[in-house]
Amino acid sequence: MKRLREQGKPTNDMVVIRESLARTSELDQAGGIAYLSSIPDGLPKVTNLRHYIEIVRQKSLLRQRAYIAETILEKLLSANGDANEVFREVAALSASLREEVGQKRILNFRSGAAFAASTESKIEWIAPGYVAKGSITEVGAKVKVGKTTLILNLVGAALDGREFLERATAKTPTVYLTEQPAVSFRQAMERADLLGRNDFYLLLYSDTLGVSWSAVEECKRVGAGLLIVDTLPQFAGLVGDSENNSGDALAAMEPLQRAAAEGIAVVIVRHERKSGGDVGDSGRGSSAFPGAVDVVLSLRRPEGNSKKTIRELHARSRFSETPAELLVELRENTYISLGDPHDAAVKAAKESILTVVPQTESEAVDLKTLIEGAKIPRATVQRAVDELLQEGKLARIGEGKRGKPFKYLIAEIHSCPTSDI
């Protein structure tokens, strides 16, 4: 080959090499044709360069994984301090390995019949209509409307198996992640009677700075069926415009979707925009957040003049059991259900009408006067008047025509006379 190079002939062509050796009677001395044919075996080819690169890359990944495994083993064997800190370090080191395993999972396609056979048709509710195991509920409200109080009411009810908004709850321990500082959240816990409980586990945001957190593992460790994240953007590290980015929003939802897949009931909290909007569209940030949950709740102050303790709970849900609207009132740090807002408004209107309507025909008043006196919308007053007439608590005179409108007064109450005692 050296001689061929000096002669300016190709040195990588076995045919040329063989003929050159044959002319100089050196072929047998070099090992013969069989030996020459075996020389290229195992030599890399330029045309296969991409494949060789992939082989090198795979070997490099194997070395990296082996190094990570050795590092984890070394940390576990040498650990003599805080176990939680060691586990956090191990979790951080093994994150890339877990991610690779997750990416290589085989997709489990199932037929409709197989899916029906492998899943339960009955929903396991923590709070019927609002929070279910294996689902995600979003609670939104403007600042200082009372959403934390509402959620802590839910937590307290679930810890004891008490009613929440007049609905039975399933008893379960709870893991709560809060963005509030310790001093203010302690007061909120005290109002909800949660201090001193061994089935309520909380994580302050200030304790997560600089380290990763895994709420799902904590839920499994303590047997909690309910996980609260208040607020999600804070714990997901969504800053600046990232809260408005659908990709970042979906990435933030992914660990919570995995938690729901484990059968945990997840409740996330988000702030609403100052401008508000329809339920599902009023939350700050990307619409990918409400799109990834099963129930969207919005706690709002009712329009018009109402008591400061009254709130409306609006909902959009994938479940038929979820009421679209509910009127609630905060009494002694506990939210009480007042029922459907329209029904509650009619009930309040009926009470107001009975206080202003006269008792004699000469003083009977028309509908316009009732509306002005009760300071209630016309449609609500009309419905309240109709129900009072049906109940026999209100009487009506007049013809309902121009110049002779219907007028209303307290109905005469007939009672049986009794003797004096």
Protein backbone atom coordinates (compact mmCIF):
# COMPACT_ATOMS: atom_id res chain seq x y z
CA MET A 1 0.00 0.00 0.00
CA LYS A 2 2.96 2.30 0.72
CA ARG A 3 4.41 1.50 -2.68
CA LEU A 4 1.08 2.15 -4.41
CA ARG A 5 0.83 5.50 -2.68
CA GLU A 6 4.31 6.46 -3.88
CA GLN A 7 3.22 5.49 -7.40
CA GLY A 8 0.12 7.68 -7.11
CA LYS A 9 -2.22 4.74 -7.24
CA PRO A 10 -5.23 4.10 -4.94
CA THR A 11 -4.40 2.33 -1.68
CA ASN A 12 -7.94 1.52 -0.48
CA ASP A 13 -8.98 -0.70 -3.39
CA MET A 14 -8.38 -4.41 -2.71
CA VAL A 15 -8.52 -5.27 -6.42
CA VAL A 16 -5.57 -2.91 -7.16
CA ILE A 17 -3.63 -4.20 -4.12
CA ARG A 18 -4.17 -7.85 -5.11
CA GLU A 19 -3.03 -7.27 -8.73
CA SER A 20 0.06 -5.35 -7.56
CA LEU A 21 1.05 -8.17 -5.19
CA ALA A 22 0.40 -10.78 -7.88
CA ARG A 23 2.69 -9.00 -10.38
CA THR A 24 5.54 -8.98 -7.86
CA SER A 25 4.83 -12.58 -6.73
CA GLU A 26 4.14 -11.29 -3.19
CA LEU A 27 0.48 -12.34 -2.97
CA ASP A 28 1.08 -15.65 -1.20
CA GLN A 29 3.69 -14.08 1.07
CA ALA A 30 1.12 -11.42 2.10
CA GLY A 31 -1.36 -14.13 3.10
CA GLY A 32 -3.22 -14.81 -0.11
CA ILE A 33 -6.55 -13.63 -1.46
CA ALA A 34 -8.50 -14.86 1.62
CA TYR A 35 -6.42 -12.70 3.95
CA LEU A 36 -6.70 -9.62 1.71
CA SER A 37 -10.48 -10.03 1.58
CA SER A 38 -10.69 -10.07 5.39
CA ILE A 39 -8.77 -6.83 5.93
CA PRO A 40 -11.79 -4.46 5.38
CA ASP A 41 -13.97 -6.44 7.83
CA GLY A 42 -14.99 -4.19 10.72
CA LEU A 43 -13.62 -1.01 9.21
CA PRO A 44 -16.04 1.98 9.36
CA LYS A 45 -17.50 3.33 6.13
CA VAL A 46 -18.10 7.00 5.44
CA THR A 47 -21.58 6.22 4.11
CA ASN A 48 -22.55 4.80 7.53
CA LEU A 49 -21.26 7.77 9.53
CA ARG A 50 -24.70 8.72 10.93
CA HIS A 51 -25.16 5.21 12.30
CA TYR A 52 -21.76 5.29 13.95
CA ILE A 53 -22.65 8.62 15.59
CA GLU A 54 -25.83 7.12 17.02
CA ILE A 55 -23.87 4.20 18.46
CA VAL A 56 -21.46 6.60 20.17
CA ARG A 57 -24.37 8.67 21.49
CA GLN A 58 -26.11 5.63 22.97
CA LYS A 59 -22.89 4.49 24.65
CA SER A 60 -22.49 7.98 26.08
CA LEU A 61 -26.03 7.91 27.51
CA LEU A 62 -25.36 4.54 29.11
CA ARG A 63 -22.21 5.94 30.75
CA GLN A 64 -24.18 8.96 32.02
CA ARG A 65 -26.89 6.72 33.49
CA ALA A 66 -24.31 4.53 35.12
CA TYR A 67 -22.65 7.62 36.63
CA ILE A 68 -26.02 8.88 37.97
CA ALA A 69 -26.80 5.49 39.49
CA GLU A 70 -23.36 5.32 41.13
CA THR A 71 -23.79 8.88 42.49
CA ILE A 72 -27.23 8.05 43.95
CA LEU A 73 -25.88 4.87 45.55
CA GLU A 74 -22.95 6.78 47.01
CA LYS A 75 -25.24 9.45 48.51
CA LEU A 76 -27.53 6.83 50.04
CA LEU A 77 -24.67 4.87 51.53
CA SER A 78 -22.96 7.96 52.96
CA ALA A 79 -26.12 9.71 54.22
CA ASN A 80 -26.08 10.57 57.90
CA GLY A 81 -28.16 13.76 58.08
CA ASP A 82 -31.66 14.91 57.17
CA ALA A 83 -33.44 12.09 55.33
CA ASN A 84 -35.80 14.50 53.55
CA GLU A 85 -32.85 16.46 52.19
CA VAL A 86 -31.21 13.25 50.96
CA PHE A 87 -34.41 12.16 49.22
CA ARG A 88 -34.74 15.55 47.57
CA GLU A 89 -31.19 15.24 46.22
CA VAL A 90 -31.89 11.73 44.97
CA ALA A 91 -35.12 12.91 43.32
CA ALA A 92 -33.24 15.71 41.57
CA LEU A 93 -30.51 13.35 40.35
CA SER A 94 -32.97 10.75 39.09
CA ALA A 95 -35.34 13.22 37.39
CA SER A 96 -33.81 12.67 33.95
CA LEU A 97 -34.02 8.89 34.34
CA ARG A 98 -37.69 9.04 35.37
CA GLU A 99 -38.43 11.31 32.41
CA GLU A 100 -36.85 8.83 29.99
CA VAL A 101 -38.85 5.97 31.45
CA GLY A 102 -42.05 8.00 31.15
CA GLN A 103 -41.33 8.80 27.50
CA LYS A 104 -40.79 5.14 26.63
CA ARG A 105 -44.04 3.84 28.15
CA ILE A 106 -46.15 1.83 25.77
CA LEU A 107 -49.44 3.55 24.93
CA ASN A 108 -52.38 1.57 26.25
CA PHE A 109 -55.11 1.69 23.62
CA ARG A 110 -58.35 0.05 24.77
CA SER A 111 -61.66 -0.73 23.14
CA GLY A 112 -64.85 0.77 24.53
CA ALA A 113 -65.80 -2.60 26.01
CA ALA A 114 -62.40 -3.07 27.64
CA PHE A 115 -62.47 0.46 29.02
CA ALA A 116 -65.94 -0.08 30.51
CA ALA A 117 -64.80 -3.32 32.13
CA SER A 118 -61.67 -1.75 33.63
CA THR A 119 -63.20 1.47 35.03
CA GLU A 120 -65.86 2.27 37.62
CA SER A 121 -69.05 4.01 36.51
CA LYS A 122 -69.62 5.42 40.00
CA ILE A 123 -67.88 8.71 40.79
CA GLU A 124 -66.09 8.83 44.15
CA TRP A 125 -66.97 12.32 45.38
CA ILE A 126 -65.03 14.15 48.07
CA ALA A 127 -67.62 16.96 47.86
CA PRO A 128 -70.51 15.92 45.55
CA GLY A 129 -70.73 18.03 42.43
CA TYR A 130 -67.53 19.93 43.13
CA VAL A 131 -64.53 17.70 43.98
CA ALA A 132 -64.11 14.06 42.93
CA LYS A 133 -61.29 11.54 43.23
CA GLY A 134 -59.38 11.23 39.97
CA SER A 135 -60.45 14.68 38.75
CA ILE A 136 -59.19 18.27 38.89
CA THR A 137 -61.22 21.23 40.14
CA GLU A 138 -60.20 24.85 39.58
CA VAL A 139 -61.35 27.55 42.01
CA GLY A 140 -61.03 31.14 40.86
CA ALA A 141 -61.87 34.46 42.45
CA LYS A 142 -60.62 38.00 42.63
CA VAL A 143 -58.29 38.96 45.45
CA LYS A 144 -59.79 38.99 48.98
CA VAL A 145 -63.19 37.60 47.94
CA GLY A 146 -62.90 34.59 50.25
CA LYS A 147 -61.71 31.65 48.14
CA THR A 148 -59.15 30.46 50.72
CA THR A 149 -61.84 30.48 53.41
CA LEU A 150 -64.13 28.49 51.12
CA ILE A 151 -61.43 25.90 50.38
CA LEU A 152 -60.44 25.56 54.03
CA ASN A 153 -64.14 24.98 54.79
CA LEU A 154 -64.01 22.15 52.26
CA VAL A 155 -60.84 20.75 53.83
CA GLY A 156 -62.27 20.87 57.35
CA ALA A 157 -65.44 19.12 56.22
CA ALA A 158 -63.47 16.42 54.36
CA LEU A 159 -61.17 15.79 57.34
CA ASP A 160 -64.17 15.07 59.56
CA GLY A 161 -66.60 13.73 56.96
CA ARG A 162 -68.98 16.64 57.66
CA GLU A 163 -71.27 18.39 55.19
CA PHE A 164 -69.89 21.05 52.88
CA LEU A 165 -72.47 23.48 51.47
CA GLU A 166 -75.22 21.13 52.66
CA ARG A 167 -73.63 18.18 50.81
CA ALA A 168 -72.05 15.12 52.43
CA THR A 169 -68.29 14.70 52.08
CA ALA A 170 -65.97 11.68 52.02
CA LYS A 171 -63.54 11.65 54.93
CA THR A 172 -59.88 11.88 53.86
CA PRO A 173 -56.54 13.39 54.95
CA THR A 174 -55.48 16.45 52.93
CA VAL A 175 -52.24 17.91 51.56
CA TYR A 176 -52.35 21.70 51.14
CA LEU A 177 -49.78 23.83 49.28
CA THR A 178 -50.14 27.53 50.05
CA GLU A 179 -48.47 30.65 48.73
CA GLN A 180 -49.40 32.57 51.91
CA PRO A 181 -46.76 33.32 54.52
CA ALA A 182 -46.94 31.36 57.77
CA VAL A 183 -48.33 34.22 59.87
CA SER A 184 -51.45 34.82 57.75
CA PHE A 185 -52.10 31.17 56.89
CA ARG A 186 -51.97 30.25 60.57
CA GLN A 187 -54.86 32.66 61.21
CA ALA A 188 -56.80 31.16 58.30
CA MET A 189 -56.19 27.67 59.72
CA GLU A 190 -57.29 28.83 63.16
CA ARG A 191 -60.57 30.22 61.78
CA ALA A 192 -61.16 26.89 60.02
CA ASP A 193 -60.27 24.94 63.19
CA LEU A 194 -57.38 23.11 61.49
CA LEU A 195 -54.59 23.85 63.96
CA GLY A 196 -53.29 20.79 65.78
CA ARG A 197 -54.63 18.29 63.26
CA ASN A 198 -52.53 15.24 62.37
CA ASP A 199 -54.44 14.55 59.13
CA PHE A 200 -53.78 17.97 57.57
CA TYR A 201 -50.38 18.46 55.89
CA LEU A 202 -49.25 21.80 54.53
CA LEU A 203 -46.33 23.08 52.50
CA LEU A 204 -45.49 26.78 52.52
CA TYR A 205 -44.14 28.24 49.30
CA SER A 206 -41.25 29.74 51.26
CA ASP A 207 -40.14 26.18 52.08
CA THR A 208 -39.92 25.23 48.40
CA LEU A 209 -37.48 27.93 47.30
CA GLY A 210 -34.48 26.41 45.58
CA VAL A 211 -35.72 22.81 45.78
CA SER A 212 -38.16 20.73 43.78
CA TRP A 213 -41.43 19.62 45.40
CA SER A 214 -43.42 16.46 44.83
CA ALA A 215 -46.91 16.69 46.31
CA VAL A 216 -48.07 13.43 44.76
CA GLU A 217 -45.51 11.39 46.69
CA GLU A 218 -46.54 13.19 49.90
CA CYS A 219 -50.21 12.33 49.26
CA LYS A 220 -49.26 8.69 48.84
CA ARG A 221 -47.10 8.74 51.96
CA VAL A 222 -49.84 10.08 54.25
CA GLY A 223 -52.78 8.47 52.45
CA ALA A 224 -54.32 11.81 51.43
CA GLY A 225 -57.16 11.69 48.92
CA LEU A 226 -57.30 15.48 48.51
CA LEU A 227 -54.56 17.79 47.21
CA ILE A 228 -54.91 21.59 47.21
CA VAL A 229 -52.49 23.84 45.27
CA ASP A 230 -53.06 27.50 46.19
CA THR A 231 -52.06 29.05 43.83
CA LEU A 232 -50.90 26.93 40.90
CA PRO A 233 -48.95 29.62 38.97
CA GLN A 234 -46.94 30.38 42.12
CA PHE A 235 -45.88 26.78 42.77
CA ALA A 236 -45.36 26.04 39.06
CA GLY A 237 -42.95 28.99 38.83
CA LEU A 238 -44.94 30.77 36.12
CA VAL A 239 -43.59 34.30 36.05
CA GLY A 240 -44.01 37.12 33.55
CA ASP A 241 -45.69 36.06 30.31
CA SER A 242 -45.24 32.34 31.01
CA GLU A 243 -48.67 32.26 32.71
CA ASN A 244 -50.20 33.28 29.38
CA ASN A 245 -48.29 30.67 27.39
CA SER A 246 -50.34 27.55 26.69
CA GLY A 247 -47.23 25.35 26.57
CA ASP A 248 -46.11 26.48 30.03
CA ALA A 249 -49.67 26.11 31.34
CA LEU A 250 -49.95 22.52 30.09
CA ALA A 251 -46.53 21.71 31.53
CA ALA A 252 -47.69 23.07 34.90
CA MET A 253 -50.82 20.91 34.74
CA GLU A 254 -48.98 17.69 33.84
CA PRO A 255 -47.93 16.61 37.38
CA LEU A 256 -51.44 17.35 38.65
CA GLN A 257 -52.96 15.27 35.87
CA ARG A 258 -50.67 12.43 36.95
CA ALA A 259 -51.91 12.92 40.52
CA ALA A 260 -55.51 12.67 39.33
CA ALA A 261 -54.60 9.50 37.42
CA GLU A 262 -53.46 8.08 40.78
CA GLY A 263 -57.00 8.60 42.13
CA ILE A 264 -56.27 11.81 44.05
CA ALA A 265 -58.81 14.64 44.04
CA VAL A 266 -56.92 17.78 42.99
CA VAL A 267 -58.05 21.37 43.61
CA ILE A 268 -56.05 24.20 42.05
CA VAL A 269 -56.52 27.89 42.82
CA ARG A 270 -55.98 30.78 40.42
CA HIS A 271 -56.64 34.50 40.65
CA GLU A 272 -59.18 36.06 38.30
CA ARG A 273 -58.56 39.07 36.09
CA LYS A 274 -59.75 42.47 37.30
CA SER A 275 -62.02 42.67 34.26
CA GLY A 276 -63.64 39.36 35.18
CA GLY A 277 -65.59 37.51 32.49
CA ASP A 278 -67.56 34.31 32.05
CA VAL A 279 -66.75 31.30 34.19
CA GLY A 280 -63.81 29.49 32.57
CA ASP A 281 -62.59 32.65 30.84
CA SER A 282 -62.14 34.93 33.84
CA GLY A 283 -58.93 33.41 35.23
CA ARG A 284 -55.59 35.09 34.67
CA GLY A 285 -53.36 33.50 32.07
CA SER A 286 -53.81 30.89 29.38
CA SER A 287 -57.14 29.22 28.60
CA ALA A 288 -55.21 25.93 28.70
CA PHE A 289 -55.68 25.91 32.50
CA PRO A 290 -59.50 25.57 32.55
CA GLY A 291 -59.31 23.35 29.48
CA ALA A 292 -57.29 20.77 31.43
CA VAL A 293 -59.62 20.56 34.46
CA ASP A 294 -62.99 18.88 35.02
CA VAL A 295 -64.77 21.48 37.16
CA VAL A 296 -64.29 25.26 37.07
CA LEU A 297 -65.64 27.23 40.05
CA SER A 298 -65.80 31.00 40.40
CA LEU A 299 -66.56 32.68 43.73
CA ARG A 300 -68.04 36.15 43.19
CA ARG A 301 -69.81 38.96 44.96
CA PRO A 302 -73.43 39.23 43.76
CA GLU A 303 -74.48 42.23 41.72
CA GLY A 304 -76.57 44.98 43.31
CA ASN A 305 -77.12 45.65 46.98
CA SER A 306 -76.57 42.58 49.14
CA LYS A 307 -75.05 41.63 52.46
CA LYS A 308 -71.26 41.72 52.60
CA THR A 309 -71.19 38.07 53.64
CA ILE A 310 -73.11 36.84 50.57
CA ARG A 311 -71.28 35.21 47.64
CA GLU A 312 -72.30 33.46 44.43
CA LEU A 313 -70.56 30.23 43.41
CA HIS A 314 -70.71 29.80 39.62
CA ALA A 315 -69.62 26.56 37.95
CA ARG A 316 -68.85 24.94 34.62
CA SER A 317 -68.39 21.18 34.80
CA ARG A 318 -68.06 17.91 32.92
CA PHE A 319 -70.27 16.34 35.60
CA SER A 320 -74.06 16.60 35.56
CA GLU A 321 -74.10 16.66 39.39
CA THR A 322 -72.49 20.11 39.55
CA PRO A 323 -74.99 22.97 40.13
CA ALA A 324 -74.47 25.86 37.73
CA GLU A 325 -74.99 28.48 40.46
CA LEU A 326 -75.20 28.46 44.23
CA LEU A 327 -75.75 31.30 46.68
CA VAL A 328 -73.66 31.01 49.85
CA GLU A 329 -73.23 33.08 52.98
CA LEU A 330 -70.30 33.25 55.40
CA ARG A 331 -71.58 32.77 58.94
CA GLU A 332 -69.13 32.40 61.81
CA ASN A 333 -66.24 31.53 59.44
CA THR A 334 -68.31 28.84 57.68
CA TYR A 335 -70.00 29.09 54.29
CA ILE A 336 -73.68 28.08 54.34
CA SER A 337 -75.64 27.18 51.22
CA LEU A 338 -78.63 29.42 50.54
CA GLY A 339 -79.65 27.43 47.46
CA ASP A 340 -80.13 28.54 43.88
CA PRO A 341 -79.47 32.30 43.58
CA HIS A 342 -82.75 32.89 41.75
CA ASP A 343 -84.76 30.93 44.34
CA ALA A 344 -82.95 32.71 47.16
CA ALA A 345 -83.66 36.09 45.54
CA VAL A 346 -87.36 35.26 45.23
CA LYS A 347 -87.47 34.14 48.86
CA ALA A 348 -85.86 37.40 49.98
CA ALA A 349 -88.26 39.35 47.74
CA LYS A 350 -91.27 37.62 49.28
CA GLU A 351 -90.10 38.54 52.77
CA SER A 352 -89.50 42.14 51.66
CA ILE A 353 -92.91 42.43 49.94
CA LEU A 354 -94.78 41.18 53.00
CA THR A 355 -93.17 43.96 55.04
CA VAL A 356 -94.28 46.78 52.71
CA VAL A 357 -97.66 45.62 51.32
CA PRO A 358 -100.70 47.16 53.11
CA GLN A 359 -103.51 45.24 54.82
CA THR A 360 -106.59 47.08 53.53
CA GLU A 361 -108.12 47.41 50.07
CA SER A 362 -108.15 51.20 50.33
CA GLU A 363 -104.37 51.18 50.74
CA ALA A 364 -103.65 48.38 48.21
CA VAL A 365 -100.64 49.11 45.95
CA ASP A 366 -99.83 48.21 42.36
CA LEU A 367 -96.78 46.25 41.13
CA LYS A 368 -94.77 49.39 40.35
CA THR A 369 -95.14 50.59 43.94
CA LEU A 370 -94.07 47.17 45.24
CA ILE A 371 -90.95 47.24 43.06
CA GLU A 372 -89.98 50.69 44.29
CA GLY A 373 -90.68 49.80 47.90
CA ALA A 374 -88.83 46.47 47.87
CA LYS A 375 -85.94 47.80 45.69
CA ILE A 376 -85.83 44.51 43.79
CA PRO A 377 -85.78 43.84 40.01
CA ARG A 378 -89.20 43.65 38.35
CA ALA A 379 -88.89 40.00 37.22
CA THR A 380 -88.03 38.86 40.75
CA VAL A 381 -90.89 40.87 42.27
CA GLN A 382 -93.35 39.47 39.74
CA ARG A 383 -92.32 35.87 40.53
CA ALA A 384 -92.46 36.55 44.27
CA VAL A 385 -95.96 38.09 43.94
CA ASP A 386 -97.22 35.10 41.94
CA GLU A 387 -95.94 32.66 44.57
CA LEU A 388 -97.43 34.71 47.42
CA LEU A 389 -100.78 34.69 45.64
CA GLN A 390 -100.61 30.90 45.24
CA GLU A 391 -99.66 30.49 48.89
CA GLY A 392 -102.63 32.62 49.94
CA LYS A 393 -100.46 35.19 51.71
CA LEU A 394 -101.26 37.98 49.25
CA ALA A 395 -104.61 39.14 47.83
CA ARG A 396 -105.22 40.94 44.53
CA ILE A 397 -107.90 43.38 43.46
CA GLY A 398 -108.49 45.28 40.20
CA GLU A 399 -108.85 44.21 36.58
CA GLY A 400 -105.32 44.44 35.30
CA LYS A 401 -106.24 47.05 32.68
CA ARG A 402 -105.12 50.57 31.93
CA GLY A 403 -106.59 52.79 34.60
CA LYS A 404 -107.61 49.75 36.67
CA PRO A 405 -104.33 47.91 37.41
CA PHE A 406 -104.01 44.99 39.74
CA LYS A 407 -103.36 46.05 43.31
CA TYR A 408 -102.13 43.94 46.17
CA LEU A 409 -102.71 43.67 49.89
CA ILE A 410 -102.18 41.20 52.71
CA ALA A 411 -104.62 38.32 52.39
CA GLU A 412 -107.20 37.99 55.12
CA ILE A 413 -106.23 35.18 57.47
CA HIS A 414 -109.15 32.99 58.55
CA SER A 415 -108.69 31.22 61.88
CA CYS A 416 -110.95 29.29 64.22
CA PRO A 417 -112.04 31.29 67.31
CA THR A 418 -110.93 29.96 70.68
CA SER A 419 -112.39 30.52 74.11
CA ASP A 420 -110.63 32.62 76.68
CA ILE A 421 -108.78 30.69 79.34
